[in-house]
PDB file of N, CA and C in Angstrom:
ATOM      1  N   MET A   1      68.320 100.848  77.811  1.00  0.00           N
ATOM      2  CA  MET A   1      67.419 101.350  78.884  1.00  0.00           C
ATOM      3  C   MET A   1      68.470 101.432  80.348  1.00  0.00           C
ATOM      4  N   PHE A   2      68.866 100.257  80.514  1.00  0.00           N
ATOM      5  CA  PHE A   2      69.808 100.197  81.810  1.00  0.00           C
ATOM      6  C   PHE A   2      71.002 101.168  81.652  1.00  0.00           C
ATOM      7  N   LYS A   3      71.487 101.246  80.443  1.00  0.00           N
ATOM      8  CA  LYS A   3      72.764 102.222  80.070  1.00  0.00           C
ATOM      9  C   LYS A   3      72.350 103.716  80.391  1.00  0.00           C
ATOM     10  N   ALA A   4      71.089 104.046  80.065  1.00  0.00           N
ATOM     11  CA  ALA A   4      70.458 105.435  80.020  1.00  0.00           C
ATOM     12  C   ALA A   4      70.466 105.458  81.680  1.00  0.00           C
ATOM     13  N   MET A   5      69.884 104.786  82.436  1.00  0.00           N
ATOM     14  CA  MET A   5      69.608 104.901  83.831  1.00  0.00           C
ATOM     15  C   MET A   5      70.853 105.035  84.665  1.00  0.00           C
ATOM     16  N   LYS A   6      71.923 104.314  84.094  1.00  0.00           N
ATOM     17  CA  LYS A   6      73.280 104.295  84.671  1.00  0.00           C
ATOM     18  C   LYS A   6      73.943 105.772  84.276  1.00  0.00           C
ATOM     19  N   THR A   7      73.747 106.118  83.334  1.00  0.00           N
ATOM     20  CA  THR A   7      74.226 107.603  82.908  1.00  0.00           C
ATOM     21  C   THR A   7      73.618 108.518  83.577  1.00  0.00           C
ATOM     22  N   LEU A   8      72.238 108.464  83.788  1.00  0.00           N
ATOM     23  CA  LEU A   8      71.556 109.516  84.547  1.00  0.00           C
ATOM     24  C   LEU A   8      71.817 109.426  85.982  1.00  0.00           C
ATOM     25  N   LEU A   9      71.984 108.332  86.751  1.00  0.00           N
ATOM     26  CA  LEU A   9      72.365 108.156  88.083  1.00  0.00           C
ATOM     27  C   LEU A   9      73.806 108.879  88.135  1.00  0.00           C
ATOM     28  N   LEU A  10      74.825 108.498  87.345  1.00  0.00           N
ATOM     29  CA  LEU A  10      75.972 109.100  87.232  1.00  0.00           C
ATOM     30  C   LEU A  10      76.019 110.564  87.303  1.00  0.00           C
ATOM     31  N   ALA A  11      75.237 111.224  86.315  1.00  0.00           N
ATOM     32  CA  ALA A  11      75.169 112.595  86.150  1.00  0.00           C
ATOM     33  C   ALA A  11      74.568 113.202  87.245  1.00  0.00           C
ATOM     34  N   SER A  12      73.461 112.560  87.956  1.00  0.00           N
ATOM     35  CA  SER A  12      72.810 113.363  89.127  1.00  0.00           C
ATOM     36  C   SER A  12      73.682 113.293  90.371  1.00  0.00           C
ATOM     37  N   THR A  13      74.696 112.249  90.336  1.00  0.00           N
ATOM     38  CA  THR A  13      75.602 112.176  91.567  1.00  0.00           C
ATOM     39  C   THR A  13      76.692 113.182  91.441  1.00  0.00           C
ATOM     40  N   VAL A  14      77.181 113.405  90.052  1.00  0.00           N
ATOM     41  CA  VAL A  14      78.274 114.326  89.903  1.00  0.00           C
ATOM     42  C   VAL A  14      77.449 115.793  90.313  1.00  0.00           C
ATOM     43  N   LEU A  15      76.346 116.096  89.831  1.00  0.00           N
ATOM     44  CA  LEU A  15      75.670 117.453  90.187  1.00  0.00           C
ATOM     45  C   LEU A  15      75.581 117.617  91.524  1.00  0.00           C
ATOM     46  N   ALA A  16      75.236 116.486  92.350  1.00  0.00           N
ATOM     47  CA  ALA A  16      74.935 116.480  93.857  1.00  0.00           C
ATOM     48  C   ALA A  16      76.145 116.959  94.547  1.00  0.00           C
ATOM     49  N   LEU A  17      77.296 116.248  94.041  1.00  0.00           N
ATOM     50  CA  LEU A  17      78.610 116.646  94.762  1.00  0.00           C
ATOM     51  C   LEU A  17      79.073 117.957  94.556  1.00  0.00           C
ATOM     52  N   SER A  18      78.834 118.383  93.186  1.00  0.00           N
ATOM     53  CA  SER A  18      79.461 119.633  92.872  1.00  0.00           C
ATOM     54  C   SER A  18      78.530 120.698  93.632  1.00  0.00           C
ATOM     55  N   VAL A  19      77.362 120.625  93.839  1.00  0.00           N
ATOM     56  CA  VAL A  19      76.382 121.556  94.550  1.00  0.00           C
ATOM     57  C   VAL A  19      76.893 121.459  96.082  1.00  0.00           C
ATOM     58  N   SER A  20      77.052 120.335  96.435  1.00  0.00           N
ATOM     59  CA  SER A  20      77.336 120.222  98.012  1.00  0.00           C
ATOM     60  C   SER A  20      78.799 121.045  98.164  1.00  0.00           C
ATOM     61  N   SER A  21      79.813 120.834  97.483  1.00  0.00           N
ATOM     62  CA  SER A  21      80.900 121.306  97.629  1.00  0.00           C
ATOM     63  C   SER A  21      81.086 122.966  97.338  1.00  0.00           C
ATOM     64  N   ALA A  22      80.156 123.442  96.679  1.00  0.00           N
ATOM     65  CA  ALA A  22      80.084 124.840  96.294  1.00  0.00           C
ATOM     66  C   ALA A  22      79.475 125.209  97.657  1.00  0.00           C
ATOM     67  N   GLY A  23      78.650 124.877  98.115  1.00  0.00           N
ATOM     68  CA  GLY A  23      77.906 125.355  99.610  1.00  0.00           C
ATOM     69  C   GLY A  23      78.836 125.205 100.628  1.00  0.00           C
ATOM     70  N   ALA A  24      80.047 124.689 100.598  1.00  0.00           N
ATOM     71  CA  ALA A  24      80.979 124.604 101.698  1.00  0.00           C
ATOM     72  C   ALA A  24      82.069 125.638 101.567  1.00  0.00           C
ATOM     73  N   GLN A  25      81.952 126.197 100.388  1.00  0.00           N
ATOM     74  CA  GLN A  25      82.932 127.189 100.293  1.00  0.00           C
ATOM     75  C   GLN A  25      82.591 128.580 101.062  1.00  0.00           C
ATOM     76  N   VAL A  26      83.799 129.265 101.463  1.00  0.00           N
ATOM     77  CA  VAL A  26      83.467 130.587 102.059  1.00  0.00           C
ATOM     78  C   VAL A  26      83.446 131.703 101.038  1.00  0.00           C
ATOM     79  N   ARG A  27      82.526 132.487 101.348  1.00  0.00           N
ATOM     80  CA  ARG A  27      82.348 133.788 100.677  1.00  0.00           C
ATOM     81  C   ARG A  27      83.541 134.401 100.554  1.00  0.00           C
ATOM     82  N   PRO A  28      83.897 134.856  99.314  1.00  0.00           N
ATOM     83  CA  PRO A  28      84.941 135.845  99.320  1.00  0.00           C
ATOM     84  C   PRO A  28      84.788 137.160 100.074  1.00  0.00           C
ATOM     85  N   TRP A  29      85.965 137.739 100.490  1.00  0.00           N
ATOM     86  CA  TRP A  29      85.994 138.951 101.188  1.00  0.00           C
ATOM     87  C   TRP A  29      85.056 140.104 100.631  1.00  0.00           C
ATOM     88  N   ALA A  30      84.427 140.570 101.523  1.00  0.00           N
ATOM     89  CA  ALA A  30      83.541 141.968 100.973  1.00  0.00           C
ATOM     90  C   ALA A  30      83.940 143.060 101.847  1.00  0.00           C
ATOM     91  N   PRO A  31      84.280 144.191 101.308  1.00  0.00           N
ATOM     92  CA  PRO A  31      84.721 145.411 102.237  1.00  0.00           C
ATOM     93  C   PRO A  31      83.199 145.786 103.103  1.00  0.00           C
ATOM     94  N   ILE A  32      83.358 146.317 104.297  1.00  0.00           N
ATOM     95  CA  ILE A  32      82.333 146.688 104.995  1.00  0.00           C
ATOM     96  C   ILE A  32      81.503 147.915 104.364  1.00  0.00           C
ATOM     97  N   GLY A  33      80.333 147.767 104.355  1.00  0.00           N
ATOM     98  CA  GLY A  33      79.613 148.816 103.594  1.00  0.00           C
ATOM     99  C   GLY A  33      78.830 148.181 102.373  1.00  0.00           C
ATOM    100  N   THR A  34      79.395 146.907 101.927  1.00  0.00           N
ATOM    101  CA  THR A  34      78.960 146.349 100.743  1.00  0.00           C
ATOM    102  C   THR A  34      77.561 146.002 100.896  1.00  0.00           C
ATOM    103  N   PRO A  35      76.589 146.364 100.042  1.00  0.00           N
ATOM    104  CA  PRO A  35      75.283 145.851 100.315  1.00  0.00           C
ATOM    105  C   PRO A  35      75.049 144.499 100.390  1.00  0.00           C
ATOM    106  N   GLY A  36      74.227 144.036 101.322  1.00  0.00           N
ATOM    107  CA  GLY A  36      73.853 142.372 101.369  1.00  0.00           C
ATOM    108  C   GLY A  36      74.918 141.936 102.399  1.00  0.00           C
ATOM    109  N   VAL A  37      75.896 142.384 102.933  1.00  0.00           N
ATOM    110  CA  VAL A  37      77.038 141.753 103.774  1.00  0.00           C
ATOM    111  C   VAL A  37      77.014 142.680 105.136  1.00  0.00           C
ATOM    112  N   SER A  38      76.933 142.205 106.256  1.00  0.00           N
ATOM    113  CA  SER A  38      77.006 142.835 107.459  1.00  0.00           C
ATOM    114  C   SER A  38      78.294 142.972 107.995  1.00  0.00           C
ATOM    115  N   GLY A  39      78.473 143.834 108.872  1.00  0.00           N
ATOM    116  CA  GLY A  39      79.937 143.743 109.618  1.00  0.00           C
ATOM    117  C   GLY A  39      80.297 142.593 110.182  1.00  0.00           C
ATOM    118  N   LEU A  40      79.420 142.104 110.908  1.00  0.00           N
ATOM    119  CA  LEU A  40      79.788 140.682 111.693  1.00  0.00           C
ATOM    120  C   LEU A  40      80.093 139.607 110.555  1.00  0.00           C
ATOM    121  N   GLU A  41      79.447 139.679 109.518  1.00  0.00           N
ATOM    122  CA  GLU A  41      79.948 138.599 108.597  1.00  0.00           C
ATOM    123  C   GLU A  41      81.143 138.896 108.161  1.00  0.00           C
ATOM    124  N   THR A  42      81.565 140.124 107.847  1.00  0.00           N
ATOM    125  CA  THR A  42      82.929 140.287 107.335  1.00  0.00           C
ATOM    126  C   THR A  42      84.035 140.058 108.314  1.00  0.00           C
ATOM    127  N   GLN A  43      83.870 140.139 109.671  1.00  0.00           N
ATOM    128  CA  GLN A  43      84.394 139.937 110.798  1.00  0.00           C
ATOM    129  C   GLN A  43      84.698 138.490 110.872  1.00  0.00           C
ATOM    130  N   ARG A  44      83.614 137.638 110.654  1.00  0.00           N
ATOM    131  CA  ARG A  44      83.466 136.470 110.981  1.00  0.00           C
ATOM    132  C   ARG A  44      84.625 135.696 109.641  1.00  0.00           C
ATOM    133  N   TYR A  45      84.362 136.182 108.470  1.00  0.00           N
ATOM    134  CA  TYR A  45      85.190 135.849 107.382  1.00  0.00           C
ATOM    135  C   TYR A  45      86.779 135.968 107.573  1.00  0.00           C
ATOM    136  N   ALA A  46      87.112 137.251 108.251  1.00  0.00           N
ATOM    137  CA  ALA A  46      88.353 137.574 108.459  1.00  0.00           C
ATOM    138  C   ALA A  46      89.176 136.738 109.616  1.00  0.00           C
ATOM    139  N   ILE A  47      88.397 136.486 110.560  1.00  0.00           N
ATOM    140  CA  ILE A  47      88.748 135.484 111.642  1.00  0.00           C
ATOM    141  C   ILE A  47      88.908 134.136 111.191  1.00  0.00           C
ATOM    142  N   GLU A  48      88.109 133.601 110.298  1.00  0.00           N
ATOM    143  CA  GLU A  48      88.286 132.301 109.614  1.00  0.00           C
ATOM    144  C   GLU A  48      89.319 132.155 108.684  1.00  0.00           C
ATOM    145  N   ARG A  49      89.540 133.273 107.909  1.00  0.00           N
ATOM    146  CA  ARG A  49      90.676 133.395 107.242  1.00  0.00           C
ATOM    147  C   ARG A  49      91.998 133.232 107.882  1.00  0.00           C
ATOM    148  N   GLN A  50      92.206 134.122 108.949  1.00  0.00           N
ATOM    149  CA  GLN A  50      93.363 133.945 109.883  1.00  0.00           C
ATOM    150  C   GLN A  50      93.413 132.598 110.498  1.00  0.00           C
ATOM    151  N   ARG A  51      92.361 132.016 110.793  1.00  0.00           N
ATOM    152  CA  ARG A  51      92.445 130.634 111.479  1.00  0.00           C
ATOM    153  C   ARG A  51      92.962 129.614 110.355  1.00  0.00           C
ATOM    154  N   GLN A  52      92.662 129.881 109.044  1.00  0.00           N
ATOM    155  CA  GLN A  52      93.133 128.713 108.052  1.00  0.00           C
ATOM    156  C   GLN A  52      94.591 129.206 107.780  1.00  0.00           C
ATOM    157  N   GLN A  53      94.870 130.432 108.104  1.00  0.00           N
ATOM    158  CA  GLN A  53      96.391 130.686 107.791  1.00  0.00           C
ATOM    159  C   GLN A  53      97.336 130.139 108.958  1.00  0.00           C
ATOM    160  N   ALA A  54      96.717 130.195 110.046  1.00  0.00           N
ATOM    161  CA  ALA A  54      97.616 129.651 111.248  1.00  0.00           C
ATOM    162  C   ALA A  54      97.705 128.166 111.244  1.00  0.00           C
ATOM    163  N   GLU A  55      96.542 127.464 110.743  1.00  0.00           N
ATOM    164  CA  GLU A  55      96.530 125.966 110.666  1.00  0.00           C
ATOM    165  C   GLU A  55      97.592 125.717 109.426  1.00  0.00           C
ATOM    166  N   ALA A  56      97.566 126.331 108.228  1.00  0.00           N
ATOM    167  CA  ALA A  56      98.454 126.200 107.221  1.00  0.00           C
ATOM    168  C   ALA A  56      99.894 126.287 107.661  1.00  0.00           C
ATOM    169  N   ALA A  57     100.315 127.402 108.504  1.00  0.00           N
ATOM    170  CA  ALA A  57     101.540 127.515 109.042  1.00  0.00           C
ATOM    171  C   ALA A  57     101.927 126.460 109.938  1.00  0.00           C
ATOM    172  N   GLU A  58     101.194 126.043 110.821  1.00  0.00           N
ATOM    173  CA  GLU A  58     101.259 124.770 111.705  1.00  0.00           C
ATOM    174  C   GLU A  58     101.786 123.479 110.890  1.00  0.00           C
ATOM    175  N   ALA A  59     100.744 123.416 109.945  1.00  0.00           N
ATOM    176  CA  ALA A  59     101.177 122.157 109.076  1.00  0.00           C
ATOM    177  C   ALA A  59     102.311 122.066 108.348  1.00  0.00           C
ATOM    178  N   LEU A  60     102.844 123.330 107.872  1.00  0.00           N
ATOM    179  CA  LEU A  60     104.113 123.471 107.235  1.00  0.00           C
ATOM    180  C   LEU A  60     105.205 123.299 108.338  1.00  0.00           C
ATOM    181  N   ALA A  61     105.170 123.741 109.403  1.00  0.00           N
ATOM    182  CA  ALA A  61     105.983 123.658 110.574  1.00  0.00           C
ATOM    183  C   ALA A  61     106.294 122.215 110.883  1.00  0.00           C
ATOM    184  N   ARG A  62     105.008 121.609 111.107  1.00  0.00           N
ATOM    185  CA  ARG A  62     105.204 119.959 111.406  1.00  0.00           C
ATOM    186  C   ARG A  62     105.837 119.234 110.169  1.00  0.00           C
ATOM    187  N   GLN A  63     105.610 119.539 109.008  1.00  0.00           N
ATOM    188  CA  GLN A  63     106.251 118.941 107.784  1.00  0.00           C
ATOM    189  C   GLN A  63     107.577 119.119 107.772  1.00  0.00           C
ATOM    190  N   GLN A  64     108.079 120.454 107.854  1.00  0.00           N
ATOM    191  CA  GLN A  64     109.411 120.861 107.917  1.00  0.00           C
ATOM    192  C   GLN A  64     110.132 119.954 109.101  1.00  0.00           C
ATOM    193  N   GLN A  65     109.624 119.920 110.213  1.00  0.00           N
ATOM    194  CA  GLN A  65     110.060 119.294 111.305  1.00  0.00           C
ATOM    195  C   GLN A  65     110.330 117.760 111.143  1.00  0.00           C
ATOM    196  N   LEU A  66     109.252 117.112 110.635  1.00  0.00           N
ATOM    197  CA  LEU A  66     109.522 115.665 110.047  1.00  0.00           C
ATOM    198  C   LEU A  66     110.479 115.562 109.197  1.00  0.00           C
ATOM    199  N   GLN A  67     110.657 116.469 108.258  1.00  0.00           N
ATOM    200  CA  GLN A  67     111.766 116.500 106.951  1.00  0.00           C
ATOM    201  C   GLN A  67     113.028 116.523 107.777  1.00  0.00           C
ATOM    202  N   THR A  68     113.107 117.368 108.657  1.00  0.00           N
ATOM    203  CA  THR A  68     114.488 117.637 109.270  1.00  0.00           C
ATOM    204  C   THR A  68     114.806 116.303 110.172  1.00  0.00           C
ATOM    205  N   ARG A  69     113.882 115.603 110.992  1.00  0.00           N
ATOM    206  CA  ARG A  69     114.208 114.362 111.790  1.00  0.00           C
ATOM    207  C   ARG A  69     114.326 113.268 110.581  1.00  0.00           C
ATOM    208  N   LEU A  70     113.945 113.082 109.475  1.00  0.00           N
ATOM    209  CA  LEU A  70     114.055 112.202 108.571  1.00  0.00           C
ATOM    210  C   LEU A  70     115.599 112.460 107.978  1.00  0.00           C
ATOM    211  N   THR A  71     115.865 113.632 107.749  1.00  0.00           N
ATOM    212  CA  THR A  71     117.297 114.012 107.183  1.00  0.00           C
ATOM    213  C   THR A  71     118.298 113.700 108.161  1.00  0.00           C
ATOM    214  N   LEU A  72     117.935 113.949 109.314  1.00  0.00           N
ATOM    215  CA  LEU A  72     119.061 113.715 110.451  1.00  0.00           C
ATOM    216  C   LEU A  72     119.221 112.089 110.663  1.00  0.00           C
ATOM    217  N   MET A  73     118.181 111.326 110.381  1.00  0.00           N
ATOM    218  CA  MET A  73     118.217 109.912 110.426  1.00  0.00           C
ATOM    219  C   MET A  73     118.899 109.364 109.264  1.00  0.00           C
ATOM    220  N   GLU A  74     118.881 109.887 108.171  1.00  0.00           N
ATOM    221  CA  GLU A  74     119.384 109.428 107.008  1.00  0.00           C
ATOM    222  C   GLU A  74     120.848 109.776 107.075  1.00  0.00           C
ATOM    223  N   LEU A  75     121.349 110.983 107.491  1.00  0.00           N
ATOM    224  CA  LEU A  75     122.662 111.188 107.701  1.00  0.00           C
ATOM    225  C   LEU A  75     123.433 110.385 108.750  1.00  0.00           C
ATOM    226  N   GLN A  76     122.836 110.110 109.910  1.00  0.00           N
ATOM    227  CA  GLN A  76     123.343 109.298 110.788  1.00  0.00           C
ATOM    228  C   GLN A  76     123.687 107.792 110.255  1.00  0.00           C
ATOM    229  N   ALA A  77     122.683 107.481 109.390  1.00  0.00           N
ATOM    230  CA  ALA A  77     122.597 106.126 108.992  1.00  0.00           C
ATOM    231  C   ALA A  77     123.813 105.781 107.988  1.00  0.00           C
ATOM    232  N   ARG A  78     124.134 106.989 107.222  1.00  0.00           N
ATOM    233  CA  ARG A  78     125.224 106.984 106.196  1.00  0.00           C
ATOM    234  C   ARG A  78     126.493 107.182 106.959  1.00  0.00           C
ATOM    235  N   ARG A  79     126.420 107.798 108.253  1.00  0.00           N
ATOM    236  CA  ARG A  79     127.889 108.116 108.798  1.00  0.00           C
ATOM    237  C   ARG A  79     128.544 106.657 109.058  1.00  0.00           C
ATOM    238  N   THR A  80     129.871 106.736 108.627  1.00  0.00           N
ATOM    239  CA  THR A  80     130.595 105.569 109.000  1.00  0.00           C
ATOM    240  C   THR A  80     130.930 105.473 110.338  1.00  0.00           C
ATOM    241  N   PRO A  81     130.817 104.084 110.904  1.00  0.00           N
ATOM    242  CA  PRO A  81     131.289 104.055 112.376  1.00  0.00           C
ATOM    243  C   PRO A  81     132.681 104.407 112.775  1.00  0.00           C
ATOM    244  N   SER A  82     132.898 104.974 113.945  1.00  0.00           N
ATOM    245  CA  SER A  82     134.109 105.130 114.333  1.00  0.00           C
ATOM    246  C   SER A  82     134.998 104.036 114.409  1.00  0.00           C
ATOM    247  N   PRO A  83     136.233 104.010 113.906  1.00  0.00           N
ATOM    248  CA  PRO A  83     137.088 102.830 113.908  1.00  0.00           C
ATOM    249  C   PRO A  83     137.415 102.526 115.400  1.00  0.00           C
ATOM    250  N   THR A  84     137.426 101.284 115.523  1.00  0.00           N
ATOM    251  CA  THR A  84     137.853 100.677 116.795  1.00  0.00           C
ATOM    252  C   THR A  84     139.341 100.135 116.609  1.00  0.00           C
ATOM    253  N   PRO A  85     140.096 100.492 117.483  1.00  0.00           N
ATOM    254  CA  PRO A  85     141.585 100.096 117.703  1.00  0.00           C
ATOM    255  C   PRO A  85     141.327  98.264 117.602  1.00  0.00           C
ATOM    256  N   ASP A  86     142.175  97.820 116.573  1.00  0.00           N
ATOM    257  CA  ASP A  86     142.256  96.320 116.405  1.00  0.00           C
ATOM    258  C   ASP A  86     143.200  95.878 117.550  1.00  0.00           C
ATOM    259  N   ASN A  87     144.254  96.676 117.853  1.00  0.00           N
ATOM    260  CA  ASN A  87     145.012  96.210 119.053  1.00  0.00           C
ATOM    261  C   ASN A  87     144.716  96.744 120.280  1.00  0.00           C
ATOM    262  N   PRO A  88     144.173  96.257 121.365  1.00  0.00           N
ATOM    263  CA  PRO A  88     143.715  97.004 122.538  1.00  0.00           C
ATOM    264  C   PRO A  88     144.806  97.556 123.191  1.00  0.00           C
ATOM    265  N   VAL A  89     144.969  98.514 124.018  1.00  0.00           N
ATOM    266  CA  VAL A  89     145.843  99.394 124.766  1.00  0.00           C
ATOM    267  C   VAL A  89     146.451  98.327 125.745  1.00  0.00           C
ATOM    268  N   PRO A  90     147.776  98.301 125.675  1.00  0.00           N
ATOM    269  CA  PRO A  90     148.407  97.252 126.482  1.00  0.00           C
ATOM    270  C   PRO A  90     148.169  97.799 127.994  1.00  0.00           C
ATOM    271  N   ALA A  91     148.319  96.681 128.851  1.00  0.00           N
ATOM    272  CA  ALA A  91     148.133  97.044 130.233  1.00  0.00           C
ATOM    273  C   ALA A  91     149.475  97.749 130.688  1.00  0.00           C
ATOM    274  N   LEU A  92     149.308  98.496 131.881  1.00  0.00           N
ATOM    275  CA  LEU A  92     150.832  99.082 132.268  1.00  0.00           C
ATOM    276  C   LEU A  92     151.727  97.804 132.684  1.00  0.00           C
ATOM    277  N   ARG A  93     152.814  98.273 132.498  1.00  0.00           N
ATOM    278  CA  ARG A  93     153.882  97.172 132.730  1.00  0.00           C
ATOM    279  C   ARG A  93     154.578  97.690 133.997  1.00  0.00           C
ATOM    280  N   SER A  94     155.219  96.547 134.465  1.00  0.00           N
ATOM    281  CA  SER A  94     155.986  96.846 135.815  1.00  0.00           C
ATOM    282  C   SER A  94     157.181  97.567 135.480  1.00  0.00           C
ATOM    283  N   PRO A  95     157.954  98.277 136.391  1.00  0.00           N
ATOM    284  CA  PRO A  95     159.315  98.680 135.964  1.00  0.00           C
ATOM    285  C   PRO A  95     160.308  97.864 135.303  1.00  0.00           C
ATOM    286  N   GLU A  96     160.404  96.658 135.864  1.00  0.00           N
ATOM    287  CA  GLU A  96     161.284  95.457 135.361  1.00  0.00           C
ATOM    288  C   GLU A  96     160.958  95.163 133.942  1.00  0.00           C
ATOM    289  N   GLN A  97     159.554  95.151 133.699  1.00  0.00           N
ATOM    290  CA  GLN A  97     159.143  94.820 132.391  1.00  0.00           C
ATOM    291  C   GLN A  97     159.327  95.935 131.380  1.00  0.00           C
ATOM    292  N   GLU A  98     159.374  97.023 131.871  1.00  0.00           N
ATOM    293  CA  GLU A  98     159.581  98.162 130.916  1.00  0.00           C
ATOM    294  C   GLU A  98     161.135  98.262 130.551  1.00  0.00           C
ATOM    295  N   ARG A  99     162.154  98.164 131.590  1.00  0.00           N
ATOM    296  CA  ARG A  99     163.214  98.005 131.404  1.00  0.00           C
ATOM    297  C   ARG A  99     163.969  96.909 130.413  1.00  0.00           C
ATOM    298  N   ALA A 100     163.363  95.631 130.750  1.00  0.00           N
ATOM    299  CA  ALA A 100     163.606  94.652 129.881  1.00  0.00           C
ATOM    300  C   ALA A 100     163.117  94.858 128.297  1.00  0.00           C
ATOM    301  N   ALA A 101     161.933  95.601 128.213  1.00  0.00           N
ATOM    302  CA  ALA A 101     161.528  96.046 126.812  1.00  0.00           C
ATOM    303  C   ALA A 101     162.500  97.104 126.138  1.00  0.00           C
ATOM    304  N   ARG A 102     162.931  98.052 127.002  1.00  0.00           N
ATOM    305  CA  ARG A 102     163.953  98.994 126.482  1.00  0.00           C
ATOM    306  C   ARG A 102     165.347  98.278 125.981  1.00  0.00           C
ATOM    307  N   GLU A 103     165.819  97.402 126.846  1.00  0.00           N
ATOM    308  CA  GLU A 103     166.963  96.635 126.486  1.00  0.00           C
ATOM    309  C   GLU A 103     167.051  95.844 125.293  1.00  0.00           C
ATOM    310  N   ALA A 104     165.863  95.431 125.172  1.00  0.00           N
ATOM    311  CA  ALA A 104     165.564  94.319 124.041  1.00  0.00           C
ATOM    312  C   ALA A 104     165.682  95.319 122.676  1.00  0.00           C
ATOM    313  N   ALA A 105     164.846  96.521 122.851  1.00  0.00           N
ATOM    314  CA  ALA A 105     164.856  97.482 121.740  1.00  0.00           C
ATOM    315  C   ALA A 105     166.412  98.043 121.473  1.00  0.00           C
ATOM    316  N   THR A 106     167.013  98.374 122.476  1.00  0.00           N
ATOM    317  CA  THR A 106     168.471  98.632 122.161  1.00  0.00           C
ATOM    318  C   THR A 106     169.226  97.688 121.394  1.00  0.00           C
ATOM    319  N   ALA A 107     169.089  96.351 121.872  1.00  0.00           N
ATOM    320  CA  ALA A 107     169.911  95.243 121.180  1.00  0.00           C
ATOM    321  C   ALA A 107     169.499  94.936 119.906  1.00  0.00           C
ATOM    322  N   ARG A 108     168.233  95.273 119.522  1.00  0.00           N
ATOM    323  CA  ARG A 108     167.710  95.162 118.126  1.00  0.00           C
ATOM    324  C   ARG A 108     168.363  96.358 117.339  1.00  0.00           C
ATOM    325  N   ARG A 109     168.266  97.537 117.895  1.00  0.00           N
ATOM    326  CA  ARG A 109     169.029  98.699 117.229  1.00  0.00           C
ATOM    327  C   ARG A 109     170.491  98.464 116.944  1.00  0.00           C
ATOM    328  N   GLN A 110     171.178  97.915 117.885  1.00  0.00           N
ATOM    329  CA  GLN A 110     172.694  97.650 117.541  1.00  0.00           C
ATOM    330  C   GLN A 110     172.747  96.607 116.808  1.00  0.00           C
ATOM    331  N   ALA A 111     171.951  95.425 116.724  1.00  0.00           N
ATOM    332  CA  ALA A 111     172.225  94.505 115.701  1.00  0.00           C
ATOM    333  C   ALA A 111     172.038  94.992 114.195  1.00  0.00           C
ATOM    334  N   ILE A 112     171.059  96.032 114.038  1.00  0.00           N
ATOM    335  CA  ILE A 112     170.865  96.357 112.719  1.00  0.00           C
ATOM    336  C   ILE A 112     171.942  97.272 112.307  1.00  0.00           C
ATOM    337  N   THR A 113     172.313  98.288 113.103  1.00  0.00           N
ATOM    338  CA  THR A 113     173.449  99.080 113.036  1.00  0.00           C
ATOM    339  C   THR A 113     174.815  98.427 112.775  1.00  0.00           C
ATOM    340  N   GLN A 114     174.876  97.306 113.330  1.00  0.00           N
ATOM    341  CA  GLN A 114     176.038  96.292 113.195  1.00  0.00           C
ATOM    342  C   GLN A 114     176.140  95.757 111.559  1.00  0.00           C
ATOM    343  N   GLY A 115     174.840  95.335 111.249  1.00  0.00           N
ATOM    344  CA  GLY A 115     174.804  94.680 109.875  1.00  0.00           C
ATOM    345  C   GLY A 115     174.935  95.876 108.939  1.00  0.00           C
ATOM    346  N   VAL A 116     174.472  96.875 109.129  1.00  0.00           N
ATOM    347  CA  VAL A 116     174.611  98.200 108.308  1.00  0.00           C
ATOM    348  C   VAL A 116     176.080  98.273 108.068  1.00  0.00           C
ATOM    349  N   GLY A 117     176.676  98.746 108.955  1.00  0.00           N
ATOM    350  CA  GLY A 117     178.000  98.914 109.088  1.00  0.00           C
ATOM    351  C   GLY A 117     178.947  97.857 108.489  1.00  0.00           C
ATOM    352  N   GLN A 118     178.592  96.447 108.333  1.00  0.00           N
ATOM    353  CA  GLN A 118     179.295  95.588 107.523  1.00  0.00           C
ATOM    354  C   GLN A 118     179.054  95.867 106.058  1.00  0.00           C
ATOM    355  N   ILE A 119     177.810  96.191 105.652  1.00  0.00           N
ATOM    356  CA  ILE A 119     177.405  96.366 104.391  1.00  0.00           C
ATOM    357  C   ILE A 119     178.102  97.644 103.983  1.00  0.00           C
ATOM    358  N   ASP A 120     178.184  98.748 104.778  1.00  0.00           N
ATOM    359  CA  ASP A 120     178.841 100.105 104.271  1.00  0.00           C
ATOM    360  C   ASP A 120     180.481  99.706 103.949  1.00  0.00           C
ATOM    361  N   SER A 121     180.977  98.974 104.870  1.00  0.00           N
ATOM    362  CA  SER A 121     182.511  98.863 104.815  1.00  0.00           C
ATOM    363  C   SER A 121     182.731  98.060 103.547  1.00  0.00           C
ATOM    364  N   TRP A 122     181.882  97.029 103.215  1.00  0.00           N
ATOM    365  CA  TRP A 122     181.910  96.215 102.001  1.00  0.00           C
ATOM    366  C   TRP A 122     181.890  97.156 100.677  1.00  0.00           C
ATOM    367  N   LEU A 123     180.852  98.017 100.777  1.00  0.00           N
ATOM    368  CA  LEU A 123     180.702  99.084  99.602  1.00  0.00           C
ATOM    369  C   LEU A 123     181.839  99.967  99.588  1.00  0.00           C
ATOM    370  N   ASP A 124     182.434 100.529 100.830  1.00  0.00           N
ATOM    371  CA  ASP A 124     183.500 101.263 100.607  1.00  0.00           C
ATOM    372  C   ASP A 124     184.868 100.805 100.349  1.00  0.00           C
ATOM    373  N   ARG A 125     185.011  99.495 100.084  1.00  0.00           N
ATOM    374  CA  ARG A 125     186.292  98.859  99.801  1.00  0.00           C
ATOM    375  C   ARG A 125     186.797  99.431  98.516  1.00  0.00           C
ATOM    376  N   GLN A 126     188.094  99.334  98.321  1.00  0.00           N
ATOM    377  CA  GLN A 126     188.859  99.616  97.277  1.00  0.00           C
ATOM    378  C   GLN A 126     188.655  98.629  96.021  1.00  0.00           C
ATOM    379  N   PRO A 127     188.557  99.148  94.912  1.00  0.00           N
ATOM    380  CA  PRO A 127     188.424  98.371  93.850  1.00  0.00           C
ATOM    381  C   PRO A 127     189.831  97.676  93.529  1.00  0.00           C
ATOM    382  N   HIS A 128     189.940  96.556  93.012  1.00  0.00           N
ATOM    383  CA  HIS A 128     191.082  95.671  92.418  1.00  0.00           C
ATOM    384  C   HIS A 128     191.454  95.999  91.413  1.00  0.00           C
TER     385      HIS A 128
END
């Protein structure tokens, strides 16, 4: 008995929901001059249809805007940070310091050249 009442209650609820949703639907478009449909009703329906289309277009635009922002945020998150130099740019040196650095570089190059010269002369020696 309880099971039958439960089934009856469920069936009546489904029927009530289907009837109420059917009542909320807009009548399909009917051309002017159709019996039982006034011109004002047809115009109201056309305006309602345009309003729904505009709302759908606005919703699509909002969705695409959100998707674009999300994509930009994902791309920025994936971007590798710009490399920072490990060695900071040295401060400007005085002319005396610049001259001393150039002289030290020249001395290093001459020492390397002299060592290479000794190796070259040894390689160029006459075999016995």
